Amino acid sequence: MEAVVFVFSLLDCCALIFLSVYFIITLSDLECDYINARSCCSKLNKWVIPELIGHTIVTVLLLMSLHWFIFLLNLPVATWNIYRGSNCPC
């Protein structure tokens, strides 16, 4: 069970890092006026919920598998993602 949790966590973290890089590249394109603000928002808004779900799943799996230290490291980021997702005006 531990190996499955850590492999899934690794793959999920890789996906979350990819999403972070995608966000940075898209915001950089907005800054350089390659895309307009509406296009930037539509590109980024569709990835907010999958990011929220991915990070929450990993945090819950770590809690269920009793990896307390890693869970406590992930808890502030998961809390921030939930706060950000719940206060979205969309």
PDB file of N, CA and C in Angstrom:
ATOM      1  N   MET A   1       0.817  -1.197   0.000  1.00  0.00           N
ATOM      2  CA  MET A   1       0.000   0.000   0.000  1.00  0.00           C
ATOM      3  C   MET A   1       0.860   1.259   0.000  1.00  0.00           C
ATOM      4  N   GLU A   2       1.959   1.215   0.757  1.00  0.00           N
ATOM      5  CA  GLU A   2       2.818   2.402   0.819  1.00  0.00           C
ATOM      6  C   GLU A   2       3.423   2.729  -0.537  1.00  0.00           C
ATOM      7  N   ALA A   3       3.858   1.708  -1.249  1.00  0.00           N
ATOM      8  CA  ALA A   3       4.470   1.944  -2.552  1.00  0.00           C
ATOM      9  C   ALA A   3       3.465   2.556  -3.523  1.00  0.00           C
ATOM     10  N   VAL A   4       2.235   2.094  -3.477  1.00  0.00           N
ATOM     11  CA  VAL A   4       1.199   2.629  -4.368  1.00  0.00           C
ATOM     12  C   VAL A   4       0.932   4.093  -4.039  1.00  0.00           C
ATOM     13  N   VAL A   5       0.871   4.420  -2.759  1.00  0.00           N
ATOM     14  CA  VAL A   5       0.622   5.808  -2.350  1.00  0.00           C
ATOM     15  C   VAL A   5       1.749   6.710  -2.816  1.00  0.00           C
ATOM     16  N   PHE A   6       2.984   6.266  -2.638  1.00  0.00           N
ATOM     17  CA  PHE A   6       4.106   7.112  -3.026  1.00  0.00           C
ATOM     18  C   PHE A   6       4.262   7.219  -4.536  1.00  0.00           C
ATOM     19  N   VAL A   7       3.974   6.154  -5.279  1.00  0.00           N
ATOM     20  CA  VAL A   7       4.036   6.243  -6.743  1.00  0.00           C
ATOM     21  C   VAL A   7       2.948   7.181  -7.247  1.00  0.00           C
ATOM     22  N   PHE A   8       1.734   7.040  -6.720  1.00  0.00           N
ATOM     23  CA  PHE A   8       0.662   7.942  -7.126  1.00  0.00           C
ATOM     24  C   PHE A   8       0.984   9.380  -6.735  1.00  0.00           C
ATOM     25  N   SER A   9       1.560   9.580  -5.561  1.00  0.00           N
ATOM     26  CA  SER A   9       1.951  10.924  -5.134  1.00  0.00           C
ATOM     27  C   SER A   9       3.004  11.517  -6.063  1.00  0.00           C
ATOM     28  N   LEU A  10       3.953  10.696  -6.470  1.00  0.00           N
ATOM     29  CA  LEU A  10       4.993  11.166  -7.383  1.00  0.00           C
ATOM     30  C   LEU A  10       4.400  11.574  -8.724  1.00  0.00           C
ATOM     31  N   LEU A  11       3.531  10.729  -9.275  1.00  0.00           N
ATOM     32  CA  LEU A  11       2.906  11.064 -10.554  1.00  0.00           C
ATOM     33  C   LEU A  11       2.017  12.297 -10.449  1.00  0.00           C
ATOM     34  N   ASP A  12       1.284  12.404  -9.355  1.00  0.00           N
ATOM     35  CA  ASP A  12       0.424  13.560  -9.162  1.00  0.00           C
ATOM     36  C   ASP A  12       1.236  14.834  -8.981  1.00  0.00           C
ATOM     37  N   CYS A  13       2.332  14.748  -8.250  1.00  0.00           N
ATOM     38  CA  CYS A  13       3.198  15.924  -8.080  1.00  0.00           C
ATOM     39  C   CYS A  13       3.827  16.343  -9.405  1.00  0.00           C
ATOM     40  N   CYS A  14       4.175  15.383 -10.239  1.00  0.00           N
ATOM     41  CA  CYS A  14       4.696  15.718 -11.567  1.00  0.00           C
ATOM     42  C   CYS A  14       3.640  16.452 -12.387  1.00  0.00           C
ATOM     43  N   ALA A  15       2.400  15.988 -12.316  1.00  0.00           N
ATOM     44  CA  ALA A  15       1.310  16.659 -13.027  1.00  0.00           C
ATOM     45  C   ALA A  15       1.077  18.058 -12.472  1.00  0.00           C
ATOM     46  N   LEU A  16       1.151  18.223 -11.155  1.00  0.00           N
ATOM     47  CA  LEU A  16       0.953  19.546 -10.550  1.00  0.00           C
ATOM     48  C   LEU A  16       2.087  20.499 -10.913  1.00  0.00           C
ATOM     49  N   ILE A  17       3.311  19.993 -10.998  1.00  0.00           N
ATOM     50  CA  ILE A  17       4.436  20.833 -11.432  1.00  0.00           C
ATOM     51  C   ILE A  17       4.254  21.250 -12.882  1.00  0.00           C
ATOM     52  N   PHE A  18       3.792  20.308 -13.724  1.00  0.00           N
ATOM     53  CA  PHE A  18       3.517  20.641 -15.114  1.00  0.00           C
ATOM     54  C   PHE A  18       2.457  21.736 -15.205  1.00  0.00           C
ATOM     55  N   LEU A  19       1.398  21.631 -14.388  1.00  0.00           N
ATOM     56  CA  LEU A  19       0.363  22.663 -14.392  1.00  0.00           C
ATOM     57  C   LEU A  19       0.914  24.010 -13.938  1.00  0.00           C
ATOM     58  N   SER A  20       1.795  24.010 -12.957  1.00  0.00           N
ATOM     59  CA  SER A  20       2.391  25.264 -12.488  1.00  0.00           C
ATOM     60  C   SER A  20       3.226  25.916 -13.584  1.00  0.00           C
ATOM     61  N   VAL A  21       3.973  25.117 -14.305  1.00  0.00           N
ATOM     62  CA  VAL A  21       4.772  25.650 -15.413  1.00  0.00           C
ATOM     63  C   VAL A  21       3.854  26.179 -16.516  1.00  0.00           C
ATOM     64  N   TYR A  22       2.767  25.454 -16.788  1.00  0.00           N
ATOM     65  CA  TYR A  22       1.797  25.914 -17.785  1.00  0.00           C
ATOM     66  C   TYR A  22       1.187  27.254 -17.369  1.00  0.00           C
ATOM     67  N   PHE A  23       0.858  27.407 -16.082  1.00  0.00           N
ATOM     68  CA  PHE A  23       0.316  28.673 -15.590  1.00  0.00           C
ATOM     69  C   PHE A  23       1.321  29.799 -15.800  1.00  0.00           C
ATOM     70  N   ILE A  24       2.580  29.540 -15.480  1.00  0.00           N
ATOM     71  CA  ILE A  24       3.611  30.574 -15.614  1.00  0.00           C
ATOM     72  C   ILE A  24       3.805  30.964 -17.072  1.00  0.00           C
ATOM     73  N   ILE A  25       3.832  29.985 -17.972  1.00  0.00           N
ATOM     74  CA  ILE A  25       4.007  30.283 -19.394  1.00  0.00           C
ATOM     75  C   ILE A  25       2.821  31.081 -19.923  1.00  0.00           C
ATOM     76  N   THR A  26       1.606  30.692 -19.529  1.00  0.00           N
ATOM     77  CA  THR A  26       0.420  31.415 -19.988  1.00  0.00           C
ATOM     78  C   THR A  26       0.398  32.842 -19.456  1.00  0.00           C
ATOM     79  N   LEU A  27       0.758  33.025 -18.191  1.00  0.00           N
ATOM     80  CA  LEU A  27       0.809  34.383 -17.640  1.00  0.00           C
ATOM     81  C   LEU A  27       1.923  35.209 -18.276  1.00  0.00           C
ATOM     82  N   SER A  28       3.013  34.561 -18.654  1.00  0.00           N
ATOM     83  CA  SER A  28       4.082  35.259 -19.362  1.00  0.00           C
ATOM     84  C   SER A  28       3.606  35.709 -20.746  1.00  0.00           C
ATOM     85  N   ASP A  29       2.837  34.857 -21.423  1.00  0.00           N
ATOM     86  CA  ASP A  29       2.261  35.255 -22.712  1.00  0.00           C
ATOM     87  C   ASP A  29       1.312  36.438 -22.556  1.00  0.00           C
ATOM     88  N   LEU A  30       0.559  36.449 -21.466  1.00  0.00           N
ATOM     89  CA  LEU A  30      -0.330  37.587 -21.202  1.00  0.00           C
ATOM     90  C   LEU A  30       0.478  38.859 -20.966  1.00  0.00           C
ATOM     91  N   GLU A  31       1.568  38.734 -20.232  1.00  0.00           N
ATOM     92  CA  GLU A  31       2.408  39.893 -19.937  1.00  0.00           C
ATOM     93  C   GLU A  31       3.033  40.472 -21.203  1.00  0.00           C
ATOM     94  N   CYS A  32       3.396  39.602 -22.132  1.00  0.00           N
ATOM     95  CA  CYS A  32       4.033  40.065 -23.372  1.00  0.00           C
ATOM     96  C   CYS A  32       3.019  40.420 -24.458  1.00  0.00           C
ATOM     97  N   ASP A  33       1.728  40.390 -24.132  1.00  0.00           N
ATOM     98  CA  ASP A  33       0.645  40.732 -25.057  1.00  0.00           C
ATOM     99  C   ASP A  33       0.536  39.774 -26.242  1.00  0.00           C
ATOM    100  N   TYR A  34       0.887  38.516 -26.044  1.00  0.00           N
ATOM    101  CA  TYR A  34       0.671  37.508 -27.085  1.00  0.00           C
ATOM    102  C   TYR A  34      -0.770  37.011 -27.061  1.00  0.00           C
ATOM    103  N   ILE A  35      -1.409  37.042 -25.893  1.00  0.00           N
ATOM    104  CA  ILE A  35      -2.811  36.676 -25.758  1.00  0.00           C
ATOM    105  C   ILE A  35      -3.511  37.745 -24.929  1.00  0.00           C
ATOM    106  N   ASN A  36      -4.823  37.834 -25.081  1.00  0.00           N
ATOM    107  CA  ASN A  36      -5.562  38.835 -24.292  1.00  0.00           C
ATOM    108  C   ASN A  36      -5.995  38.227 -22.962  1.00  0.00           C
ATOM    109  N   ALA A  37      -6.527  39.063 -22.098  1.00  0.00           N
ATOM    110  CA  ALA A  37      -6.870  38.640 -20.741  1.00  0.00           C
ATOM    111  C   ALA A  37      -7.996  37.610 -20.733  1.00  0.00           C
ATOM    112  N   ARG A  38      -8.967  37.768 -21.594  1.00  0.00           N
ATOM    113  CA  ARG A  38     -10.079  36.814 -21.647  1.00  0.00           C
ATOM    114  C   ARG A  38      -9.591  35.433 -22.059  1.00  0.00           C
ATOM    115  N   SER A  39      -8.715  35.382 -23.025  1.00  0.00           N
ATOM    116  CA  SER A  39      -8.168  34.101 -23.472  1.00  0.00           C
ATOM    117  C   SER A  39      -7.312  33.454 -22.377  1.00  0.00           C
ATOM    118  N   CYS A  40      -6.546  34.265 -21.689  1.00  0.00           N
ATOM    119  CA  CYS A  40      -5.712  33.755 -20.589  1.00  0.00           C
ATOM    120  C   CYS A  40      -6.578  33.168 -19.486  1.00  0.00           C
ATOM    121  N   CYS A  41      -7.624  33.884 -19.103  1.00  0.00           N
ATOM    122  CA  CYS A  41      -8.511  33.390 -18.046  1.00  0.00           C
ATOM    123  C   CYS A  41      -9.210  32.105 -18.452  1.00  0.00           C
ATOM    124  N   SER A  42      -9.644  32.023 -19.691  1.00  0.00           N
ATOM    125  CA  SER A  42     -10.332  30.802 -20.124  1.00  0.00           C
ATOM    126  C   SER A  42      -9.381  29.617 -20.159  1.00  0.00           C
ATOM    127  N   LYS A  43      -8.122  29.857 -20.504  1.00  0.00           N
ATOM    128  CA  LYS A  43      -7.136  28.774 -20.509  1.00  0.00           C
ATOM    129  C   LYS A  43      -6.817  28.298 -19.091  1.00  0.00           C
ATOM    130  N   LEU A  44      -6.679  29.231 -18.161  1.00  0.00           N
ATOM    131  CA  LEU A  44      -6.255  28.869 -16.811  1.00  0.00           C
ATOM    132  C   LEU A  44      -7.402  28.390 -15.923  1.00  0.00           C
ATOM    133  N   ASN A  45      -8.595  28.921 -16.117  1.00  0.00           N
ATOM    134  CA  ASN A  45      -9.715  28.554 -15.247  1.00  0.00           C
ATOM    135  C   ASN A  45     -10.105  27.088 -15.381  1.00  0.00           C
ATOM    136  N   LYS A  46      -9.927  26.507 -16.550  1.00  0.00           N
ATOM    137  CA  LYS A  46     -10.320  25.106 -16.701  1.00  0.00           C
ATOM    138  C   LYS A  46      -9.366  24.145 -15.997  1.00  0.00           C
ATOM    139  N   TRP A  47      -8.216  24.629 -15.526  1.00  0.00           N
ATOM    140  CA  TRP A  47      -7.256  23.761 -14.831  1.00  0.00           C
ATOM    141  C   TRP A  47      -7.238  23.960 -13.325  1.00  0.00           C
ATOM    142  N   VAL A  48      -8.032  24.884 -12.797  1.00  0.00           N
ATOM    143  CA  VAL A  48      -8.034  25.141 -11.358  1.00  0.00           C
ATOM    144  C   VAL A  48      -8.653  23.973 -10.591  1.00  0.00           C
ATOM    145  N   ILE A  49      -9.801  23.493 -11.035  1.00  0.00           N
ATOM    146  CA  ILE A  49     -10.483  22.392 -10.345  1.00  0.00           C
ATOM    147  C   ILE A  49      -9.676  21.093 -10.418  1.00  0.00           C
ATOM    148  N   PRO A  50      -9.108  20.702 -11.581  1.00  0.00           N
ATOM    149  CA  PRO A  50      -8.268  19.496 -11.572  1.00  0.00           C
ATOM    150  C   PRO A  50      -7.052  19.607 -10.651  1.00  0.00           C
ATOM    151  N   GLU A  51      -6.479  20.803 -10.547  1.00  0.00           N
ATOM    152  CA  GLU A  51      -5.361  21.003  -9.618  1.00  0.00           C
ATOM    153  C   GLU A  51      -5.826  20.817  -8.177  1.00  0.00           C
ATOM    154  N   LEU A  52      -6.970  21.368  -7.864  1.00  0.00           N
ATOM    155  CA  LEU A  52      -7.548  21.230  -6.536  1.00  0.00           C
ATOM    156  C   LEU A  52      -7.823  19.764  -6.216  1.00  0.00           C
ATOM    157  N   ILE A  53      -8.415  19.045  -7.127  1.00  0.00           N
ATOM    158  CA  ILE A  53      -8.738  17.638  -6.912  1.00  0.00           C
ATOM    159  C   ILE A  53      -7.474  16.802  -6.759  1.00  0.00           C
ATOM    160  N   GLY A  54      -6.489  17.038  -7.618  1.00  0.00           N
ATOM    161  CA  GLY A  54      -5.245  16.269  -7.552  1.00  0.00           C
ATOM    162  C   GLY A  54      -4.517  16.433  -6.234  1.00  0.00           C
ATOM    163  N   HIS A  55      -4.418  17.647  -5.772  1.00  0.00           N
ATOM    164  CA  HIS A  55      -3.707  17.877  -4.513  1.00  0.00           C
ATOM    165  C   HIS A  55      -4.496  17.357  -3.318  1.00  0.00           C
ATOM    166  N   THR A  56      -5.800  17.479  -3.364  1.00  0.00           N
ATOM    167  CA  THR A  56      -6.624  16.984  -2.266  1.00  0.00           C
ATOM    168  C   THR A  56      -6.578  15.462  -2.180  1.00  0.00           C
ATOM    169  N   ILE A  57      -6.586  14.787  -3.315  1.00  0.00           N
ATOM    170  CA  ILE A  57      -6.509  13.317  -3.320  1.00  0.00           C
ATOM    171  C   ILE A  57      -5.206  12.836  -2.688  1.00  0.00           C
ATOM    172  N   VAL A  58      -4.106  13.458  -3.051  1.00  0.00           N
ATOM    173  CA  VAL A  58      -2.817  13.055  -2.477  1.00  0.00           C
ATOM    174  C   VAL A  58      -2.799  13.305  -0.975  1.00  0.00           C
ATOM    175  N   THR A  59      -3.330  14.436  -0.535  1.00  0.00           N
ATOM    176  CA  THR A  59      -3.340  14.747   0.889  1.00  0.00           C
ATOM    177  C   THR A  59      -4.196  13.751   1.664  1.00  0.00           C
ATOM    178  N   VAL A  60      -5.348  13.393   1.132  1.00  0.00           N
ATOM    179  CA  VAL A  60      -6.215  12.420   1.799  1.00  0.00           C
ATOM    180  C   VAL A  60      -5.568  11.036   1.818  1.00  0.00           C
ATOM    181  N   LEU A  61      -4.922  10.642   0.720  1.00  0.00           N
ATOM    182  CA  LEU A  61      -4.232   9.343   0.694  1.00  0.00           C
ATOM    183  C   LEU A  61      -3.122   9.280   1.730  1.00  0.00           C
ATOM    184  N   LEU A  62      -2.398  10.360   1.896  1.00  0.00           N
ATOM    185  CA  LEU A  62      -1.343  10.381   2.905  1.00  0.00           C
ATOM    186  C   LEU A  62      -1.924  10.303   4.306  1.00  0.00           C
ATOM    187  N   LEU A  63      -3.062  10.923   4.514  1.00  0.00           N
ATOM    188  CA  LEU A  63      -3.718  10.830   5.819  1.00  0.00           C
ATOM    189  C   LEU A  63      -4.212   9.415   6.079  1.00  0.00           C
ATOM    190  N   MET A  64      -4.804   8.780   5.069  1.00  0.00           N
ATOM    191  CA  MET A  64      -5.333   7.429   5.237  1.00  0.00           C
ATOM    192  C   MET A  64      -4.245   6.385   5.419  1.00  0.00           C
ATOM    193  N   SER A  65      -3.074   6.622   4.826  1.00  0.00           N
ATOM    194  CA  SER A  65      -1.979   5.660   4.971  1.00  0.00           C
ATOM    195  C   SER A  65      -1.088   5.972   6.175  1.00  0.00           C
ATOM    196  N   LEU A  66      -1.494   6.941   6.982  1.00  0.00           N
ATOM    197  CA  LEU A  66      -0.832   7.295   8.246  1.00  0.00           C
ATOM    198  C   LEU A  66       0.599   7.798   8.076  1.00  0.00           C
ATOM    199  N   HIS A  67       0.853   8.541   7.026  1.00  0.00           N
ATOM    200  CA  HIS A  67       2.138   9.220   6.850  1.00  0.00           C
ATOM    201  C   HIS A  67       1.957  10.654   7.350  1.00  0.00           C
ATOM    202  N   TRP A  68       2.065  10.817   8.655  1.00  0.00           N
ATOM    203  CA  TRP A  68       1.699  12.069   9.303  1.00  0.00           C
ATOM    204  C   TRP A  68       2.587  13.237   8.910  1.00  0.00           C
ATOM    205  N   PHE A  69       3.890  13.017   8.845  1.00  0.00           N
ATOM    206  CA  PHE A  69       4.801  14.125   8.562  1.00  0.00           C
ATOM    207  C   PHE A  69       4.577  14.665   7.148  1.00  0.00           C
ATOM    208  N   ILE A  70       4.462  13.778   6.170  1.00  0.00           N
ATOM    209  CA  ILE A  70       4.247  14.227   4.789  1.00  0.00           C
ATOM    210  C   ILE A  70       2.860  14.844   4.653  1.00  0.00           C
ATOM    211  N   PHE A  71       1.887  14.274   5.387  1.00  0.00           N
ATOM    212  CA  PHE A  71       0.544  14.864   5.388  1.00  0.00           C
ATOM    213  C   PHE A  71       0.585  16.286   5.927  1.00  0.00           C
ATOM    214  N   LEU A  72       1.292  16.498   7.008  1.00  0.00           N
ATOM    215  CA  LEU A  72       1.374  17.840   7.593  1.00  0.00           C
ATOM    216  C   LEU A  72       2.112  18.818   6.683  1.00  0.00           C
ATOM    217  N   LEU A  73       3.050  18.314   5.870  1.00  0.00           N
ATOM    218  CA  LEU A  73       3.715  19.181   4.896  1.00  0.00           C
ATOM    219  C   LEU A  73       2.766  19.578   3.763  1.00  0.00           C
ATOM    220  N   ASN A  74       1.872  18.680   3.373  1.00  0.00           N
ATOM    221  CA  ASN A  74       0.936  18.953   2.284  1.00  0.00           C
ATOM    222  C   ASN A  74      -0.314  19.709   2.728  1.00  0.00           C
ATOM    223  N   LEU A  75      -0.627  19.675   4.001  1.00  0.00           N
ATOM    224  CA  LEU A  75      -1.870  20.262   4.494  1.00  0.00           C
ATOM    225  C   LEU A  75      -2.000  21.768   4.234  1.00  0.00           C
ATOM    226  N   PRO A  76      -0.974  22.592   4.449  1.00  0.00           N
ATOM    227  CA  PRO A  76      -1.154  24.032   4.170  1.00  0.00           C
ATOM    228  C   PRO A  76      -1.439  24.336   2.699  1.00  0.00           C
ATOM    229  N   VAL A  77      -0.778  23.628   1.802  1.00  0.00           N
ATOM    230  CA  VAL A  77      -1.015  23.869   0.375  1.00  0.00           C
ATOM    231  C   VAL A  77      -2.406  23.394  -0.025  1.00  0.00           C
ATOM    232  N   ALA A  78      -2.833  22.244   0.492  1.00  0.00           N
ATOM    233  CA  ALA A  78      -4.176  21.753   0.196  1.00  0.00           C
ATOM    234  C   ALA A  78      -5.234  22.699   0.763  1.00  0.00           C
ATOM    235  N   THR A  79      -4.998  23.221   1.943  1.00  0.00           N
ATOM    236  CA  THR A  79      -5.929  24.176   2.543  1.00  0.00           C
ATOM    237  C   THR A  79      -6.017  25.443   1.700  1.00  0.00           C
ATOM    238  N   TRP A  80      -4.881  25.930   1.218  1.00  0.00           N
ATOM    239  CA  TRP A  80      -4.883  27.120   0.369  1.00  0.00           C
ATOM    240  C   TRP A  80      -5.620  26.852  -0.937  1.00  0.00           C
ATOM    241  N   ASN A  81      -5.410  25.674  -1.539  1.00  0.00           N
ATOM    242  CA  ASN A  81      -6.104  25.344  -2.783  1.00  0.00           C
ATOM    243  C   ASN A  81      -7.614  25.255  -2.575  1.00  0.00           C
ATOM    244  N   ILE A  82      -8.044  24.679  -1.460  1.00  0.00           N
ATOM    245  CA  ILE A  82      -9.475  24.597  -1.171  1.00  0.00           C
ATOM    246  C   ILE A  82     -10.045  25.989  -0.936  1.00  0.00           C
ATOM    247  N   TYR A  83      -9.321  26.826  -0.219  1.00  0.00           N
ATOM    248  CA  TYR A  83      -9.769  28.201   0.009  1.00  0.00           C
ATOM    249  C   TYR A  83      -9.881  28.958  -1.310  1.00  0.00           C
ATOM    250  N   ARG A  84      -8.877  28.795  -2.168  1.00  0.00           N
ATOM    251  CA  ARG A  84      -8.872  29.476  -3.461  1.00  0.00           C
ATOM    252  C   ARG A  84     -10.007  28.975  -4.349  1.00  0.00           C
ATOM    253  N   GLY A  85     -10.260  27.662  -4.312  1.00  0.00           N
ATOM    254  CA  GLY A  85     -11.343  27.107  -5.132  1.00  0.00           C
ATOM    255  C   GLY A  85     -12.722  27.465  -4.625  1.00  0.00           C
ATOM    256  N   SER A  86     -12.871  27.587  -3.325  1.00  0.00           N
ATOM    257  CA  SER A  86     -14.202  27.916  -2.784  1.00  0.00           C
ATOM    258  C   SER A  86     -14.547  29.381  -2.917  1.00  0.00           C
ATOM    259  N   ASN A  87     -13.571  30.256  -3.040  1.00  0.00           N
ATOM    260  CA  ASN A  87     -13.831  31.691  -3.170  1.00  0.00           C
ATOM    261  C   ASN A  87     -13.780  32.170  -4.610  1.00  0.00           C
ATOM    262  N   CYS A  88     -13.804  31.254  -5.548  1.00  0.00           N
ATOM    263  CA  CYS A  88     -13.768  31.625  -6.967  1.00  0.00           C
ATOM    264  C   CYS A  88     -15.124  32.190  -7.385  1.00  0.00           C
ATOM    265  N   PRO A  89     -15.143  33.354  -8.023  1.00  0.00           N
ATOM    266  CA  PRO A  89     -16.426  33.946  -8.414  1.00  0.00           C
ATOM    267  C   PRO A  89     -17.008  33.336  -9.683  1.00  0.00           C
ATOM    268  N   CYS A  90     -16.398  32.275 -10.215  1.00  0.00           N
ATOM    269  CA  CYS A  90     -16.895  31.722 -11.478  1.00  0.00           C
ATOM    270  C   CYS A  90     -18.139  30.928 -11.348  1.00  0.00           C
TER     271      CYS A  90
END
